């Protein structure tokens, strides 16, 4: 296992301890509204602080792009981290991606080289290192062998604060409900991507995500033999926040449907 991955796992487990201790005390949580339909609890902040502390101790020269707060970089941002809110219906999850400093200085121009997505409730640790595959609790996993969109189980996330592509989203949802085997909305994009990586979902799409929602899960998908891209099928999903992922056979028809509704909305 790559030494950096061990550090990220340590950070994820440290955060999960904080999350799990608070899981039975939801009525006492203080919830703050960041913006419409976007909330944060003190647990989110504490879990993220724990991750930042572990990463900063191991890599003091790295900057950290975080959901609730960032650690000012000594150099360019090299890690992204997030944790799903305990207030969510999705399982509390921590997600961390590490970008190797050998790549170009701006984080959007870099590549995620190590990632961890940890489902704290199920104690499922998804890990990936660039070029070394994807693992679930130390067991190698790959995307499903689904060959047809009509047989595919597709995951998504409903828009909740960014509605730029709402018409395209609703059009895509309507068509996929008729052309796939089913749609699921678990609630945490990083975990949805992990599920694509291990074959529980055959595809996934969502619009308006933040980099920390995507970075960790993206490497899991690609290292498990899947494909991931933005609405044009390119690698700008961390910049645009729009992402499509799937098995090699599901990705193309899923992308075609999403893109057709996107271009229709633009009047193309």
Protein backbone atom coordinates (compact mmCIF):
# COMPACT_ATOMS: atom_id res chain seq x y z
CA UNK A 1 0.00 0.00 0.00
CA UNK A 2 1.27 3.47 -0.86
CA UNK A 3 2.50 5.38 2.23
CA UNK A 4 0.28 8.36 1.36
CA UNK A 5 -2.75 6.10 1.27
CA UNK A 6 -2.00 4.95 4.81
CA UNK A 7 -2.06 8.59 5.93
CA UNK A 8 -5.41 9.22 4.25
CA UNK A 9 -6.90 6.08 5.80
CA UNK A 10 -5.69 7.26 9.22
CA UNK A 11 -7.39 10.61 8.61
CA UNK A 12 -10.64 8.97 7.50
CA UNK A 13 -10.75 6.71 10.54
CA UNK A 14 -10.05 9.65 12.85
CA UNK A 15 -13.00 11.51 11.32
CA UNK A 16 -15.25 8.46 11.49
CA UNK A 17 -14.69 8.18 15.25
CA UNK A 18 -16.06 11.70 15.65
CA UNK A 19 -19.03 10.97 13.39
CA UNK A 20 -19.93 7.69 15.08
CA UNK A 21 -19.78 9.19 18.56
CA UNK A 22 -22.37 11.75 17.50
CA UNK A 23 -24.69 9.41 15.60
CA UNK A 24 -26.87 8.70 18.63
CA UNK A 25 -27.14 12.33 19.70
CA UNK A 26 -28.74 13.91 16.64
CA UNK A 27 -31.24 15.89 18.70
CA UNK A 28 -28.37 17.82 20.30
CA UNK A 29 -26.60 18.75 17.07
CA UNK A 30 -26.28 22.40 16.17
CA UNK A 31 -27.15 22.89 12.49
CA UNK A 32 -26.10 25.99 10.55
CA UNK A 33 -27.38 27.01 7.12
CA UNK A 34 -24.57 27.84 4.69
CA UNK A 35 -26.96 28.70 1.85
CA UNK A 36 -30.33 27.52 0.62
CA UNK A 37 -30.69 23.75 1.14
CA UNK A 38 -27.08 23.46 2.25
CA UNK A 39 -26.40 22.73 5.91
CA UNK A 40 -23.45 22.02 8.17
CA UNK A 41 -23.25 20.62 11.68
CA UNK A 42 -20.55 20.92 14.31
CA UNK A 43 -19.82 17.25 13.63
CA UNK A 44 -19.04 18.03 9.99
CA UNK A 45 -16.60 20.72 11.09
CA UNK A 46 -14.97 18.55 13.75
CA UNK A 47 -14.57 15.59 11.41
CA UNK A 48 -13.07 17.78 8.72
CA UNK A 49 -10.72 19.41 11.23
CA UNK A 50 -9.50 15.96 12.25
CA UNK A 51 -8.75 15.07 8.62
CA UNK A 52 -6.93 18.34 8.04
CA UNK A 53 -4.86 17.84 11.21
CA UNK A 54 -3.68 14.38 10.16
CA UNK A 55 -2.91 15.42 6.58
CA UNK A 56 -1.18 18.64 7.65
CA UNK A 57 1.03 16.78 10.11
CA UNK A 58 2.16 14.36 7.40
CA UNK A 59 2.36 16.89 4.57
CA UNK A 60 2.87 20.39 6.03
CA UNK A 61 3.79 21.82 2.61
CA UNK A 62 0.47 20.77 1.06
CA UNK A 63 -2.57 22.99 0.79
CA UNK A 64 -5.96 21.47 1.49
CA UNK A 65 -9.20 22.22 -0.33
CA UNK A 66 -11.98 21.40 2.13
CA UNK A 67 -15.76 21.67 2.18
CA UNK A 68 -16.06 23.72 5.37
CA UNK A 69 -12.64 25.34 5.59
CA UNK A 70 -9.30 25.15 3.81
CA UNK A 71 -5.76 25.01 5.15
CA UNK A 72 -3.76 27.75 3.39
CA UNK A 73 -1.25 26.10 1.11
CA UNK A 74 2.48 26.35 1.45
CA UNK A 75 2.37 25.33 -2.20
CA UNK A 76 -0.51 24.51 -4.50
CA UNK A 77 -3.60 22.67 -3.20
CA UNK A 78 -2.79 18.98 -3.05
CA UNK A 79 -5.68 17.39 -1.19
CA UNK A 80 -9.44 17.69 -1.08
CA UNK A 81 -11.67 16.43 1.69
CA UNK A 82 -15.34 16.29 2.60
CA UNK A 83 -17.72 14.55 4.96
CA UNK A 84 -21.43 14.02 4.39
CA UNK A 85 -23.66 15.63 6.98
CA UNK A 86 -25.14 13.48 9.74
CA UNK A 87 -28.36 15.34 8.94
CA UNK A 88 -28.41 13.62 5.54
CA UNK A 89 -30.29 10.41 4.77
CA UNK A 90 -27.11 9.13 3.17
CA UNK A 91 -24.68 7.13 5.32
CA UNK A 92 -22.14 9.42 7.02
CA UNK A 93 -19.16 9.29 4.72
CA UNK A 94 -15.68 10.78 4.59
CA UNK A 95 -13.96 11.32 1.27
CA UNK A 96 -10.38 12.38 0.67
CA UNK A 97 -8.32 12.68 -2.49
CA UNK A 98 -4.60 13.43 -2.62
CA UNK A 99 -2.94 15.03 -5.61
CA UNK A 100 0.71 14.31 -6.17
CA UNK A 101 2.78 17.49 -6.05
CA UNK A 102 4.72 16.37 -9.13
CA UNK A 103 1.81 17.51 -11.28
CA UNK A 104 1.15 21.07 -12.35
CA UNK A 105 0.82 23.62 -9.60
CA UNK A 106 -2.86 24.51 -9.96
CA UNK A 107 -5.07 21.86 -8.38
CA UNK A 108 -7.48 21.78 -11.31
CA UNK A 109 -4.63 20.88 -13.57
CA UNK A 110 -3.45 18.04 -11.33
CA UNK A 111 -4.45 14.44 -11.00
CA UNK A 112 -5.79 12.61 -7.98
CA UNK A 113 -3.29 9.87 -7.16
CA UNK A 114 -4.65 8.48 -3.87
CA UNK A 115 -8.23 8.37 -2.63
CA UNK A 116 -10.33 7.05 0.23
CA UNK A 117 -14.11 6.97 0.57
CA UNK A 118 -15.18 5.59 3.94
CA UNK A 119 -18.76 4.61 4.80
CA UNK A 120 -18.56 4.91 8.56
CA UNK A 121 -21.86 3.15 9.29
CA UNK A 122 -21.07 0.04 7.26
CA UNK A 123 -17.34 0.19 8.01
CA UNK A 124 -16.62 -0.02 4.29
CA UNK A 125 -13.32 1.52 3.26
CA UNK A 126 -12.93 2.14 -0.48
CA UNK A 127 -9.35 2.94 -1.48
CA UNK A 128 -7.46 3.51 -4.71
CA UNK A 129 -3.95 4.42 -5.79
CA UNK A 130 -3.15 5.59 -9.30
CA UNK A 131 -2.20 2.55 -11.35
CA UNK A 132 -2.80 0.07 -8.52
CA UNK A 133 -6.55 -0.64 -8.66
CA UNK A 134 -9.51 -0.09 -6.36
CA UNK A 135 -10.15 -1.97 -3.14
CA UNK A 136 -13.04 -2.41 -0.73
CA UNK A 137 -11.74 -3.37 2.72
CA UNK A 138 -8.55 -4.70 1.12
CA UNK A 139 -10.44 -6.76 -1.49
CA UNK A 140 -9.88 -5.83 -5.15
CA UNK A 141 -13.08 -4.66 -6.83
CA UNK A 142 -14.08 -3.75 -10.37
CA UNK A 143 -17.04 -2.17 -12.09
CA UNK A 144 -19.90 -4.48 -13.05
CA UNK A 145 -20.06 -6.41 -16.31
CA UNK A 146 -23.30 -4.67 -17.31
CA UNK A 147 -23.35 -4.39 -21.10
CA UNK A 148 -26.64 -2.62 -21.81
CA UNK A 149 -28.20 0.55 -20.48
CA UNK A 150 -31.56 -1.22 -20.29
CA UNK A 151 -30.06 -3.60 -17.71
CA UNK A 152 -28.24 -0.90 -15.77
CA UNK A 153 -29.00 0.39 -12.29
CA UNK A 154 -28.21 4.10 -12.34
CA UNK A 155 -27.44 6.37 -9.40
CA UNK A 156 -27.99 10.13 -9.28
CA UNK A 157 -28.31 13.08 -6.94
CA UNK A 158 -31.12 15.61 -7.13
CA UNK A 159 -30.09 19.26 -7.67
CA UNK A 160 -30.52 21.15 -4.40
CA UNK A 161 -28.78 24.51 -4.76
CA UNK A 162 -27.48 24.74 -8.34
CA UNK A 163 -30.25 24.71 -10.93
CA UNK A 164 -28.31 25.70 -14.03
CA UNK A 165 -29.04 22.37 -15.70
CA UNK A 166 -32.39 21.59 -14.07
CA UNK A 167 -34.25 21.08 -17.37
CA UNK A 168 -31.51 18.81 -18.69
CA UNK A 169 -31.55 16.91 -15.42
CA UNK A 170 -35.30 16.36 -15.44
CA UNK A 171 -35.25 15.34 -19.09
CA UNK A 172 -32.45 12.89 -18.42
CA UNK A 173 -34.25 11.48 -15.39
CA UNK A 174 -37.47 10.94 -17.36
CA UNK A 175 -35.71 9.17 -20.22
CA UNK A 176 -33.53 7.00 -18.00
CA UNK A 177 -36.52 5.92 -15.92
CA UNK A 178 -37.84 4.38 -19.13
CA UNK A 179 -34.57 3.10 -20.61
CA UNK A 180 -32.70 1.66 -17.58
CA UNK A 181 -33.52 -0.99 -15.01
CA UNK A 182 -33.94 1.62 -12.28
CA UNK A 183 -32.79 4.88 -10.70
CA UNK A 184 -31.41 5.24 -7.18
CA UNK A 185 -30.68 8.38 -5.14
CA UNK A 186 -28.48 7.31 -2.17
CA UNK A 187 -27.48 10.88 -1.27
CA UNK A 188 -23.67 11.11 -1.21
CA UNK A 189 -21.90 11.51 -4.56
CA UNK A 190 -18.57 10.18 -3.32
CA UNK A 191 -20.24 6.98 -2.12
CA UNK A 192 -22.32 6.72 -5.30
CA UNK A 193 -19.10 6.74 -7.30
CA UNK A 194 -17.64 4.12 -4.96
CA UNK A 195 -20.71 1.98 -5.67
CA UNK A 196 -20.07 2.29 -9.40
CA UNK A 197 -16.49 1.19 -8.76
CA UNK A 198 -17.53 -1.96 -6.89
CA UNK A 199 -20.44 -2.89 -9.17
CA UNK A 200 -23.40 -1.99 -6.96
CA UNK A 201 -24.37 0.68 -9.48
CA UNK A 202 -23.72 0.47 -13.21
CA UNK A 203 -23.75 4.21 -13.83
CA UNK A 204 -24.10 7.60 -12.17
CA UNK A 205 -24.73 11.20 -13.15
CA UNK A 206 -25.12 14.45 -11.24
CA UNK A 207 -24.82 18.18 -11.86
CA UNK A 208 -23.52 21.05 -9.73
CA UNK A 209 -21.16 19.16 -7.42
CA UNK A 210 -18.11 20.57 -5.64
CA UNK A 211 -14.59 19.19 -6.29
CA UNK A 212 -14.53 17.50 -2.88
CA UNK A 213 -17.71 15.60 -3.80
CA UNK A 214 -16.05 14.07 -6.86
CA UNK A 215 -12.28 13.84 -6.38
CA UNK A 216 -12.10 10.78 -4.14
CA UNK A 217 -14.73 8.76 -5.99
CA UNK A 218 -13.42 9.57 -9.47
CA UNK A 219 -10.17 7.69 -8.94
CA UNK A 220 -12.08 4.72 -7.50
CA UNK A 221 -14.11 4.46 -10.72
CA UNK A 222 -11.22 4.77 -13.14
CA UNK A 223 -8.99 2.36 -11.20
CA UNK A 224 -11.85 -0.17 -11.13
CA UNK A 225 -12.10 -0.19 -14.91
CA UNK A 226 -14.90 2.33 -15.28
CA UNK A 227 -15.16 5.57 -17.22
CA UNK A 228 -15.83 9.02 -15.81
CA UNK A 229 -16.21 12.41 -17.46
CA UNK A 230 -18.07 15.70 -17.57
CA UNK A 231 -21.13 16.44 -19.72
CA UNK A 232 -18.95 16.34 -22.82
CA UNK A 233 -17.15 13.16 -21.80
CA UNK A 234 -13.96 15.06 -21.00
CA UNK A 235 -11.95 15.23 -17.77
CA UNK A 236 -13.12 18.65 -16.60
CA UNK A 237 -15.58 17.33 -14.01
CA UNK A 238 -13.63 18.75 -11.06
CA UNK A 239 -13.85 22.20 -12.66
CA UNK A 240 -17.44 22.03 -13.92
CA UNK A 241 -18.96 19.99 -11.08
CA UNK A 242 -20.91 17.94 -13.61
CA UNK A 243 -20.09 14.24 -13.74
CA UNK A 244 -21.07 11.06 -15.52
CA UNK A 245 -19.60 7.65 -14.64
CA UNK A 246 -20.28 4.07 -15.59
CA UNK A 247 -19.07 0.76 -16.89
CA UNK A 248 -17.37 0.93 -20.30
CA UNK A 249 -20.57 -0.22 -22.05
CA UNK A 250 -22.99 1.92 -20.01
CA UNK A 251 -20.99 5.15 -20.03
CA UNK A 252 -21.43 5.96 -23.73
CA UNK A 253 -25.25 5.64 -23.93
CA UNK A 254 -25.63 7.38 -20.56
CA UNK A 255 -23.46 10.25 -21.78
CA UNK A 256 -25.42 10.43 -25.03
CA UNK A 257 -28.73 10.83 -23.18
CA UNK A 258 -27.39 13.44 -20.76
CA UNK A 259 -25.71 15.38 -23.56
CA UNK A 260 -28.82 15.34 -25.76
CA UNK A 261 -30.88 16.98 -23.02
CA UNK A 262 -28.10 19.42 -22.19
CA UNK A 263 -27.74 20.60 -25.79
CA UNK A 264 -31.52 20.79 -26.18
CA UNK A 265 -31.61 23.12 -23.20
CA UNK A 266 -28.99 25.32 -24.86
CA UNK A 267 -31.10 25.53 -28.00
CA UNK A 268 -28.61 23.52 -30.01
